[in-house]
Amino acid sequence: MSPSPTHTELAEIGYRAWNEDDLEALLAICHPEVQYRTSGVFPGLQSVYEGEAGIRRWWADFHEPWSQIKVIPERISARTSPSGSIRSQPPRLRSRSADWPDQTGRGSAAN
């Protein structure tokens, strides 16, 4: 039996799944009762997505405005909270065809 992946390895797997557009790989590392809390930066997203169905909905909601989006973490520094959540440094987002206004209503928040 192989050892469980570390939190840092899980974060790396998650980013790789995102960048390879592989929802099933992302779901494979999620706990059945996963909760994903969004930052509030991107309009049109719920504040919390729960369970597999929620992650599928978040994936679709987040991918919808872009033809392509990549997440490139500058550093993964996994720290767990008492609840077991994992946090990492905010990644830089690289996107094409983003059409979300910034906080002023002009331009694009993702570029």
Foldseek 3Di string as FASTA:
>chain_A
DDDDDDPLVLVVQLLVCQQVVNLVSNLVSADQFDKDADPPFFPPDDRIFTGPVSSVVRSCRVCVQFPHKHWDAPDADWDQDPVGDTDGDHTQMDTPRHDTAGPVRDDHSRD
